[in-house]
Amino acid sequence: MSRRGQWDAVVVGGGVVGGACALALAKEGLQVALVEGREPPPWSPQRPDLRVFAFAADNAALLDGLGVWSQVEGGHAYAYRRMRVWDAGGGGDLTFDADTLGRRELGWIVENGLLVDRLWAALPAAGVQVYCPAKVVEMEQDAGSVRLRLDDGRRIEAAIAIAADGAESTLRTLAGLDVSRHDYGQRGVVGYIDSERPNEATAWQRFLDTGPLAVLPYDKYRSSIVWTLPDAEAERVLALEDAAFERELTNAFAGRLGQMKVASPRAAFPLRRQLAKGYVAGRVLTLGDAAHVVHPLAGQGVNLGLRDVAGLRELVRDARQRRQEWSTPHRLQRWARTRRSENTVAAYSFDAINKVFSNDEMHLTLARGALLGMAGRMPPLLSLFWKRASGL
């Protein structure tokens, strides 16, 4: 620990964003502790995680700089080269292509469990002290430090504490940071399927009146689905026998990949928009899902969280290069303003898309397919869309 007898930073929450944050700050020379309620299970290719991400290039570069990305690719990171979006109401496709955009790939489909496994494997060598299993039960702070009491009685003192403990963040609540919530009344049904035809290394998304259906390539014939449905409809399809589920899914996807076969258990998670009203409270910061939960239709949740981490790393790096204190209030507030602005714009943009395309009103149904086709015929607009999503 530092000469003051405290850590430079304590990260609460050991998921993808929390693990990456702890590793990134440690790589910048800070003394870092990580608090997590339970040790993550080891990743196994025989038991793929149902939760996957469309991982963007800028975040692959972030993990590469942390010395982790090659281990992720060595596990299972499936590169996709195209993205095709179309509407059930008709109109043209919106297509993104790696060759057109001058890239080898548009991104990678990566399991949550694999990312967490590889990040945790890198923590000891970086000098991160892990407190696990442990939960924060009390927090107090003053102008100089923040102090946490854990459920096992241990106490931790740090220059800053970082809430990366998810949408129901305990540390965010203890710090008095409020959130605004909007329940979409939808659930995302997830699982793996095998298709009759190869998925063409393409991330597919079809907009239906009930919500978007994403089919994300996991292997040549295997894909991960995220099927957004109203709550009651999600419950119904979860209860279907495999054969009935396969028929409905194949029809919902308009048979573009032929017949679909169930390749895993199915699950569903509720969808909502949740935004923290502030990202900093004294010496407590919040990031990732603790700060912002967005609709999964664009696959940007974890990407936004890792961009929070990248911004914080740059803050620390810049201050240390200038031989200045990195945790001053004005520096933390500047980081917070930048990240909150970008995340809020993203959240409401996804919200608007969901409202327009998850809608059976006749005038919207007639217009939205034409809008997608028009965007696809405007290369500068297409490039702007993609660069926004990939962080380039």
Protein backbone atom coordinates (compact mmCIF):
# COMPACT_ATOMS: atom_id res chain seq x y z
CA MET A 1 0.00 0.00 0.00
CA SER A 2 0.96 3.67 -0.22
CA ARG A 3 2.99 5.52 2.40
CA ARG A 4 -0.27 6.84 3.85
CA GLY A 5 -1.25 3.29 4.79
CA GLN A 6 -4.03 3.15 2.23
CA TRP A 7 -4.65 1.87 -1.25
CA ASP A 8 -4.64 4.27 -4.16
CA ALA A 9 -7.90 2.74 -5.39
CA VAL A 10 -10.30 0.03 -4.32
CA VAL A 11 -12.59 -1.38 -7.01
CA VAL A 12 -15.83 -2.91 -5.78
CA GLY A 13 -17.12 -5.49 -8.25
CA GLY A 14 -15.10 -8.08 -10.15
CA GLY A 15 -17.02 -8.47 -13.41
CA VAL A 16 -15.62 -7.54 -16.81
CA VAL A 17 -15.60 -3.79 -16.16
CA GLY A 18 -14.44 -4.02 -12.54
CA GLY A 19 -11.71 -6.51 -13.34
CA ALA A 20 -10.49 -4.44 -16.27
CA CYS A 21 -10.55 -1.29 -14.13
CA ALA A 22 -8.47 -2.87 -11.35
CA LEU A 23 -5.97 -4.23 -13.87
CA ALA A 24 -5.72 -0.96 -15.82
CA LEU A 25 -5.07 1.16 -12.74
CA ALA A 26 -2.50 -1.32 -11.42
CA LYS A 27 -0.72 -1.24 -14.79
CA GLU A 28 -0.47 2.55 -14.38
CA GLY A 29 1.49 2.03 -11.17
CA LEU A 30 -1.30 2.45 -8.61
CA GLN A 31 -1.75 0.24 -5.57
CA VAL A 32 -5.14 -1.38 -6.15
CA ALA A 33 -7.51 -3.64 -4.23
CA LEU A 34 -10.54 -5.47 -5.65
CA VAL A 35 -13.59 -6.52 -3.61
CA GLU A 36 -15.93 -9.19 -4.98
CA GLY A 37 -18.77 -11.13 -3.39
CA ARG A 38 -17.98 -14.49 -4.97
CA GLU A 39 -15.17 -16.00 -6.97
CA PRO A 40 -16.13 -16.42 -10.63
CA PRO A 41 -16.32 -20.00 -11.90
CA PRO A 42 -13.53 -21.04 -14.27
CA TRP A 43 -14.46 -20.68 -17.92
CA SER A 44 -14.85 -23.88 -19.91
CA PRO A 45 -15.42 -24.24 -23.67
CA GLN A 46 -17.64 -27.22 -22.85
CA ARG A 47 -20.01 -24.95 -20.90
CA PRO A 48 -20.20 -21.66 -22.82
CA ASP A 49 -21.64 -18.67 -20.99
CA LEU A 50 -25.08 -17.67 -22.26
CA ARG A 51 -24.13 -14.02 -21.85
CA VAL A 52 -22.05 -12.80 -24.81
CA PHE A 53 -20.90 -9.40 -26.03
CA ALA A 54 -20.33 -7.88 -29.45
CA PHE A 55 -16.87 -6.69 -28.48
CA ALA A 56 -15.64 -3.52 -30.18
CA ALA A 57 -12.18 -2.91 -31.61
CA ASP A 58 -11.25 -0.11 -29.22
CA ASN A 59 -11.92 -2.34 -26.22
CA ALA A 60 -9.96 -5.21 -27.75
CA ALA A 61 -7.09 -2.70 -27.98
CA LEU A 62 -7.64 -1.78 -24.32
CA LEU A 63 -7.36 -5.41 -23.23
CA ASP A 64 -4.39 -5.90 -25.54
CA GLY A 65 -2.62 -3.05 -23.76
CA LEU A 66 -3.36 -4.80 -20.47
CA GLY A 67 -1.78 -8.02 -21.77
CA VAL A 68 -5.06 -9.96 -21.74
CA TRP A 69 -6.50 -9.93 -25.27
CA SER A 70 -4.28 -12.70 -26.66
CA GLN A 71 -5.50 -14.99 -23.87
CA VAL A 72 -9.10 -14.09 -24.71
CA GLU A 73 -8.55 -14.84 -28.39
CA GLY A 74 -6.86 -18.10 -27.41
CA GLY A 75 -10.06 -19.09 -25.61
CA HIS A 76 -12.90 -18.22 -27.93
CA ALA A 77 -13.30 -14.82 -29.56
CA TYR A 78 -15.15 -15.23 -32.85
CA ALA A 79 -14.47 -12.42 -35.29
CA TYR A 80 -17.40 -11.17 -37.32
CA ARG A 81 -16.86 -9.36 -40.62
CA ARG A 82 -20.34 -8.13 -41.45
CA MET A 83 -23.41 -6.77 -39.74
CA ARG A 84 -26.82 -6.89 -41.39
CA VAL A 85 -29.91 -5.17 -40.03
CA TRP A 86 -33.38 -5.33 -41.58
CA ASP A 87 -36.98 -4.77 -40.64
CA ALA A 88 -39.85 -7.25 -40.73
CA GLY A 89 -42.07 -4.51 -42.16
CA GLY A 90 -40.10 -4.42 -45.41
CA GLY A 91 -37.54 -2.12 -47.01
CA GLY A 92 -33.85 -2.59 -47.62
CA ASP A 93 -31.06 -3.93 -45.44
CA LEU A 94 -28.54 -1.83 -43.57
CA THR A 95 -25.20 -3.56 -44.07
CA PHE A 96 -21.80 -2.94 -42.51
CA ASP A 97 -18.85 -4.71 -44.11
CA ALA A 98 -15.27 -4.92 -42.84
CA ASP A 99 -13.77 -4.69 -46.34
CA THR A 100 -15.74 -1.54 -47.15
CA LEU A 101 -14.62 0.06 -43.90
CA GLY A 102 -10.99 -0.99 -44.37
CA ARG A 103 -10.87 -3.43 -41.45
CA ARG A 104 -10.10 -7.13 -41.03
CA GLU A 105 -13.14 -7.53 -38.77
CA LEU A 106 -15.90 -5.42 -37.29
CA GLY A 107 -15.59 -6.95 -33.84
CA TRP A 108 -15.69 -10.20 -31.90
CA ILE A 109 -18.38 -12.22 -30.14
CA VAL A 110 -16.97 -13.01 -26.70
CA GLU A 111 -18.44 -14.72 -23.64
CA ASN A 112 -18.71 -12.83 -20.38
CA GLY A 113 -17.29 -15.79 -18.46
CA LEU A 114 -14.19 -15.99 -20.65
CA LEU A 115 -13.41 -12.29 -20.24
CA VAL A 116 -13.78 -12.46 -16.46
CA ASP A 117 -11.65 -15.62 -16.28
CA ARG A 118 -8.77 -14.06 -18.23
CA LEU A 119 -8.92 -10.74 -16.36
CA TRP A 120 -8.84 -12.46 -12.97
CA ALA A 121 -5.89 -14.61 -14.07
CA ALA A 122 -3.91 -11.41 -14.74
CA LEU A 123 -4.67 -9.68 -11.42
CA PRO A 124 -2.04 -11.32 -9.15
CA ALA A 125 0.91 -10.55 -11.43
CA ALA A 126 -0.24 -6.91 -11.62
CA GLY A 127 -0.17 -6.67 -7.83
CA VAL A 128 -3.93 -6.34 -7.31
CA GLN A 129 -5.02 -7.45 -3.84
CA VAL A 130 -8.28 -9.41 -4.13
CA TYR A 131 -10.76 -9.56 -1.25
CA CYS A 132 -13.09 -12.43 -2.12
CA PRO A 133 -15.61 -13.50 -0.99
CA ALA A 134 -16.36 -10.12 0.56
CA LYS A 135 -19.08 -7.49 0.37
CA VAL A 136 -19.09 -3.82 1.33
CA VAL A 137 -21.51 -3.08 4.17
CA GLU A 138 -20.43 0.39 5.30
CA MET A 139 -18.69 3.38 3.74
CA GLU A 140 -17.47 6.69 5.09
CA GLN A 141 -15.28 9.32 3.51
CA ASP A 142 -13.70 12.70 4.04
CA ALA A 143 -11.59 15.04 1.93
CA GLY A 144 -8.57 12.73 2.08
CA SER A 145 -9.82 9.17 1.74
CA VAL A 146 -12.71 6.72 1.65
CA ARG A 147 -13.05 3.86 4.14
CA LEU A 148 -14.98 0.65 3.57
CA ARG A 149 -16.02 -2.02 6.05
CA LEU A 150 -16.51 -5.51 4.65
CA ASP A 151 -18.99 -8.11 5.82
CA ASP A 152 -16.17 -10.16 7.37
CA GLY A 153 -15.13 -7.23 9.55
CA ARG A 154 -12.08 -6.16 7.57
CA ARG A 155 -11.62 -2.49 6.73
CA ILE A 156 -10.08 -0.94 3.64
CA GLU A 157 -8.93 2.64 3.18
CA ALA A 158 -8.22 4.14 -0.25
CA ALA A 159 -7.75 7.45 -2.01
CA ILE A 160 -10.81 6.59 -4.14
CA ALA A 161 -13.38 3.81 -4.25
CA ILE A 162 -14.87 2.71 -7.56
CA ALA A 163 -18.38 1.26 -7.78
CA ALA A 164 -18.31 -1.41 -10.48
CA ASP A 165 -20.71 -3.74 -8.67
CA GLY A 166 -23.52 -3.78 -11.20
CA ALA A 167 -26.94 -2.25 -11.65
CA GLU A 168 -27.92 -2.84 -8.00
CA SER A 169 -24.63 -1.35 -6.75
CA THR A 170 -24.29 -1.28 -2.97
CA LEU A 171 -21.39 1.18 -3.04
CA ARG A 172 -23.28 3.60 -5.30
CA THR A 173 -26.19 3.52 -2.86
CA LEU A 174 -23.92 4.06 0.15
CA ALA A 175 -22.38 7.05 -1.63
CA GLY A 176 -25.83 8.59 -2.12
CA LEU A 177 -25.76 8.52 -5.93
CA ASP A 178 -29.34 8.29 -7.21
CA VAL A 179 -30.43 6.71 -10.48
CA SER A 180 -33.31 7.17 -12.91
CA ARG A 181 -34.96 3.98 -14.15
CA HIS A 182 -37.24 3.05 -17.02
CA ASP A 183 -38.56 -0.50 -17.35
CA TYR A 184 -39.07 -1.47 -21.00
CA GLY A 185 -41.55 -4.23 -20.15
CA GLN A 186 -39.35 -6.53 -22.24
CA ARG A 187 -36.98 -9.41 -21.65
CA GLY A 188 -34.02 -10.64 -23.62
CA VAL A 189 -34.28 -14.37 -24.32
CA VAL A 190 -30.78 -15.79 -24.78
CA GLY A 191 -29.25 -19.12 -25.77
CA TYR A 192 -27.23 -20.86 -28.47
CA ILE A 193 -28.63 -22.26 -31.70
CA ASP A 194 -27.23 -24.22 -34.63
CA SER A 195 -28.35 -23.13 -38.09
CA GLU A 196 -28.87 -25.12 -41.26
CA ARG A 197 -26.75 -22.66 -43.24
CA PRO A 198 -23.49 -20.99 -42.13
CA ASN A 199 -23.90 -17.62 -40.42
CA GLU A 200 -21.30 -16.05 -42.76
CA ALA A 201 -19.36 -14.48 -39.87
CA THR A 202 -22.19 -11.94 -39.76
CA ALA A 203 -23.94 -10.32 -36.81
CA TRP A 204 -27.61 -10.29 -37.82
CA GLN A 205 -30.43 -8.22 -36.38
CA ARG A 206 -34.06 -8.25 -37.47
CA PHE A 207 -36.51 -5.70 -36.09
CA LEU A 208 -39.92 -7.16 -35.27
CA ASP A 209 -42.99 -5.46 -33.85
CA THR A 210 -42.24 -7.19 -30.54
CA GLY A 211 -38.58 -6.13 -30.45
CA PRO A 212 -35.26 -6.90 -32.16
CA LEU A 213 -33.92 -10.40 -32.71
CA ALA A 214 -30.12 -10.57 -32.79
CA VAL A 215 -28.25 -13.63 -34.08
CA LEU A 216 -24.54 -13.35 -33.27
CA PRO A 217 -21.98 -15.74 -34.80
CA TYR A 218 -20.21 -17.98 -32.28
CA ASP A 219 -18.83 -20.48 -34.78
CA LYS A 220 -19.50 -21.28 -38.43
CA TYR A 221 -22.89 -22.86 -37.78
CA ARG A 222 -23.47 -21.89 -34.14
CA SER A 223 -24.83 -18.53 -33.03
CA SER A 224 -25.92 -16.79 -29.85
CA ILE A 225 -29.37 -15.25 -29.89
CA VAL A 226 -30.76 -12.26 -28.02
CA TRP A 227 -34.50 -12.20 -28.71
CA THR A 228 -36.22 -9.13 -27.24
CA LEU A 229 -39.85 -9.81 -26.38
CA PRO A 230 -42.57 -8.34 -24.16
CA ASP A 231 -42.50 -9.91 -20.70
CA ALA A 232 -45.48 -12.22 -21.18
CA GLU A 233 -44.30 -13.34 -24.63
CA ALA A 234 -40.82 -14.07 -23.28
CA GLU A 235 -42.32 -16.30 -20.60
CA ARG A 236 -44.34 -18.11 -23.24
CA VAL A 237 -41.42 -18.88 -25.55
CA LEU A 238 -39.22 -19.95 -22.64
CA ALA A 239 -41.83 -22.54 -21.72
CA LEU A 240 -42.03 -24.00 -25.26
CA GLU A 241 -40.70 -27.44 -26.09
CA ASP A 242 -37.51 -27.29 -28.15
CA ALA A 243 -39.20 -28.17 -31.44
CA ALA A 244 -41.86 -25.47 -31.03
CA PHE A 245 -39.25 -22.91 -29.99
CA GLU A 246 -37.14 -23.78 -33.04
CA ARG A 247 -40.10 -23.26 -35.39
CA GLU A 248 -41.01 -19.89 -33.90
CA LEU A 249 -37.41 -18.70 -33.89
CA THR A 250 -36.84 -19.79 -37.51
CA ASN A 251 -39.99 -17.93 -38.58
CA ALA A 252 -39.07 -14.83 -36.57
CA PHE A 253 -35.73 -14.76 -38.39
CA ALA A 254 -37.48 -15.23 -41.76
CA GLY A 255 -35.49 -18.42 -42.40
CA ARG A 256 -32.38 -16.53 -43.53
CA LEU A 257 -30.09 -19.21 -42.11
CA GLY A 258 -32.46 -22.10 -42.74
CA GLN A 259 -33.81 -24.19 -39.90
CA MET A 260 -32.54 -23.35 -36.41
CA LYS A 261 -31.89 -26.00 -33.75
CA VAL A 262 -31.57 -25.44 -30.00
CA ALA A 263 -27.97 -25.98 -28.82
CA SER A 264 -28.16 -24.91 -25.16
CA PRO A 265 -30.53 -24.11 -22.31
CA ARG A 266 -32.48 -20.86 -22.65
CA ALA A 267 -32.74 -17.99 -20.20
CA ALA A 268 -34.21 -14.47 -20.07
CA PHE A 269 -33.28 -11.23 -18.34
CA PRO A 270 -35.39 -8.09 -17.82
CA LEU A 271 -34.55 -5.00 -19.87
CA ARG A 272 -34.41 -1.46 -18.57
CA ARG A 273 -32.69 1.86 -18.97
CA GLN A 274 -30.98 3.01 -15.78
CA LEU A 275 -28.74 6.05 -15.50
CA ALA A 276 -26.90 7.36 -12.48
CA LYS A 277 -27.67 11.04 -11.90
CA GLY A 278 -24.02 11.62 -11.03
CA TYR A 279 -20.83 9.61 -11.45
CA VAL A 280 -18.81 11.11 -8.58
CA ALA A 281 -19.70 11.61 -4.91
CA GLY A 282 -16.63 12.89 -3.10
CA ARG A 283 -14.06 10.12 -3.48
CA VAL A 284 -16.46 7.51 -4.82
CA LEU A 285 -16.75 6.94 -8.59
CA THR A 286 -19.29 4.80 -10.41
CA LEU A 287 -18.87 3.16 -13.80
CA GLY A 288 -20.11 0.29 -15.95
CA ASP A 289 -23.56 -1.07 -15.12
CA ALA A 290 -23.43 0.70 -11.75
CA ALA A 291 -23.56 3.97 -13.73
CA HIS A 292 -25.54 3.06 -16.85
CA VAL A 293 -27.70 0.19 -18.04
CA VAL A 294 -28.81 0.42 -21.68
CA HIS A 295 -31.00 -1.58 -24.04
CA PRO A 296 -29.01 -4.52 -25.50
CA LEU A 297 -30.19 -3.99 -29.09
CA ALA A 298 -26.83 -2.48 -30.13
CA GLY A 299 -24.69 -4.75 -27.92
CA GLN A 300 -22.96 -1.71 -26.42
CA GLY A 301 -23.38 -2.18 -22.66
CA VAL A 302 -19.98 -3.66 -21.85
CA ASN A 303 -18.32 -1.51 -24.51
CA LEU A 304 -19.56 1.67 -22.82
CA GLY A 305 -18.35 0.37 -19.46
CA LEU A 306 -14.89 -0.38 -20.74
CA ARG A 307 -14.72 3.08 -22.28
CA ASP A 308 -15.34 4.41 -18.76
CA VAL A 309 -12.26 2.43 -17.73
CA ALA A 310 -10.20 3.67 -20.67
CA GLY A 311 -11.08 7.27 -19.80
CA LEU A 312 -10.09 6.77 -16.17
CA ARG A 313 -6.81 5.16 -17.19
CA GLU A 314 -6.01 8.14 -19.42
CA LEU A 315 -6.79 10.51 -16.55
CA VAL A 316 -4.30 8.69 -14.30
CA ARG A 317 -1.67 8.43 -17.03
CA ASP A 318 -1.88 12.12 -17.92
CA ALA A 319 -1.64 13.26 -14.31
CA ARG A 320 1.31 11.02 -13.49
CA GLN A 321 3.18 12.11 -16.61
CA ARG A 322 2.75 15.69 -15.44
CA ARG A 323 3.79 14.66 -11.91
CA GLN A 324 0.46 15.87 -10.59
CA GLU A 325 -2.10 14.34 -8.25
CA TRP A 326 -4.50 12.25 -10.32
CA SER A 327 -7.41 12.03 -7.84
CA THR A 328 -8.17 15.72 -7.45
CA PRO A 329 -11.88 16.67 -7.56
CA HIS A 330 -11.60 18.68 -10.76
CA ARG A 331 -9.94 15.79 -12.62
CA LEU A 332 -12.54 13.28 -11.43
CA GLN A 333 -15.40 15.63 -12.33
CA ARG A 334 -13.97 16.19 -15.80
CA TRP A 335 -13.85 12.42 -16.38
CA ALA A 336 -17.41 12.14 -15.03
CA ARG A 337 -18.80 14.86 -17.30
CA THR A 338 -17.28 13.30 -20.40
CA ARG A 339 -18.39 9.77 -19.64
CA ARG A 340 -21.86 10.70 -18.41
CA SER A 341 -22.50 12.75 -21.55
CA GLU A 342 -21.49 9.95 -23.92
CA ASN A 343 -23.34 7.25 -21.99
CA THR A 344 -26.53 9.30 -21.70
CA VAL A 345 -26.58 10.05 -25.43
CA ALA A 346 -26.04 6.35 -26.17
CA ALA A 347 -28.77 5.23 -23.75
CA TYR A 348 -31.42 7.55 -25.17
CA SER A 349 -30.37 6.78 -28.75
CA PHE A 350 -30.93 3.06 -28.13
CA ASP A 351 -34.18 3.96 -26.38
CA ALA A 352 -35.41 5.86 -29.43
CA ILE A 353 -34.47 3.05 -31.81
CA ASN A 354 -36.27 0.54 -29.62
CA LYS A 355 -39.42 2.70 -29.55
CA VAL A 356 -39.49 3.19 -33.31
CA PHE A 357 -38.67 -0.38 -34.31
CA SER A 358 -40.50 -2.30 -31.53
CA ASN A 359 -43.83 -0.88 -32.59
CA ASP A 360 -46.78 -2.08 -34.63
CA GLU A 361 -48.19 1.36 -35.49
CA MET A 362 -48.87 1.38 -39.21
CA HIS A 363 -47.11 4.64 -40.13
CA LEU A 364 -43.95 3.64 -38.27
CA THR A 365 -43.99 0.14 -39.76
CA LEU A 366 -44.15 1.60 -43.27
CA ALA A 367 -41.39 4.12 -42.65
CA ARG A 368 -38.75 2.26 -40.69
CA GLY A 369 -37.69 -0.27 -43.34
CA ALA A 370 -37.26 2.53 -45.84
CA LEU A 371 -35.15 4.45 -43.31
CA LEU A 372 -32.78 1.51 -42.87
CA GLY A 373 -32.43 1.07 -46.61
CA MET A 374 -31.80 4.78 -47.12
CA ALA A 375 -29.08 4.81 -44.45
CA GLY A 376 -27.43 1.85 -46.17
CA ARG A 377 -27.17 3.82 -49.41
CA MET A 378 -25.39 6.76 -47.77
CA PRO A 379 -21.75 5.72 -47.18
CA PRO A 380 -20.75 8.70 -44.96
CA LEU A 381 -23.73 8.06 -42.68
CA LEU A 382 -22.98 4.34 -42.62
CA SER A 383 -19.36 5.02 -41.66
CA LEU A 384 -20.46 7.42 -38.92
CA PHE A 385 -22.85 4.82 -37.46
CA TRP A 386 -20.14 2.20 -37.36
CA LYS A 387 -17.43 4.43 -35.93
CA ARG A 388 -19.78 5.50 -33.18
CA ALA A 389 -20.51 1.91 -32.22
CA SER A 390 -16.88 0.73 -32.42
CA GLY A 391 -15.31 3.67 -30.61
CA LEU A 392 -12.97 4.47 -33.50
